[in-house]
Amino acid sequence: MYYIDLNDKQKSFIYSKCSVKHIKDVGSRSIMYKRLNINADFINTFVTNFNEKFLYEPYVENSESYYSWEYDIIYVPFKYADMVNKLLNITNEDIIRKRF
């Protein structure tokens, strides 16, 4: 899983060319991190636009606090891989590949 911060120019281009899945999730960090990994563990995907809010801490001893997470999962089609790599200055093809 990769997280990439996008500026406005990058965001507008990528959101227009790629598939974007907006996720809203609530729970403990450990559970939400597992779900985030499941959603973003595909070829040519990365996470961006991550926001976390603290909701509350349970009174029960040894239990995790609850948070609200919002983030976008971006899937880059193979035909746009070169353009997105250039736009993001990525040289590691493990993140966004041209083909299998």
Foldseek 3Di string as FASTA:
>chain_A
DAEDEDDPVLVVVQPVQWDKDKDKDKDFPVVVVVVVCVVQVDAQKYKYDKDKDFDADDPDPPDGGMMIIIIMIIHHDLVCQVVSCVVRVPPDCRNHPNDD
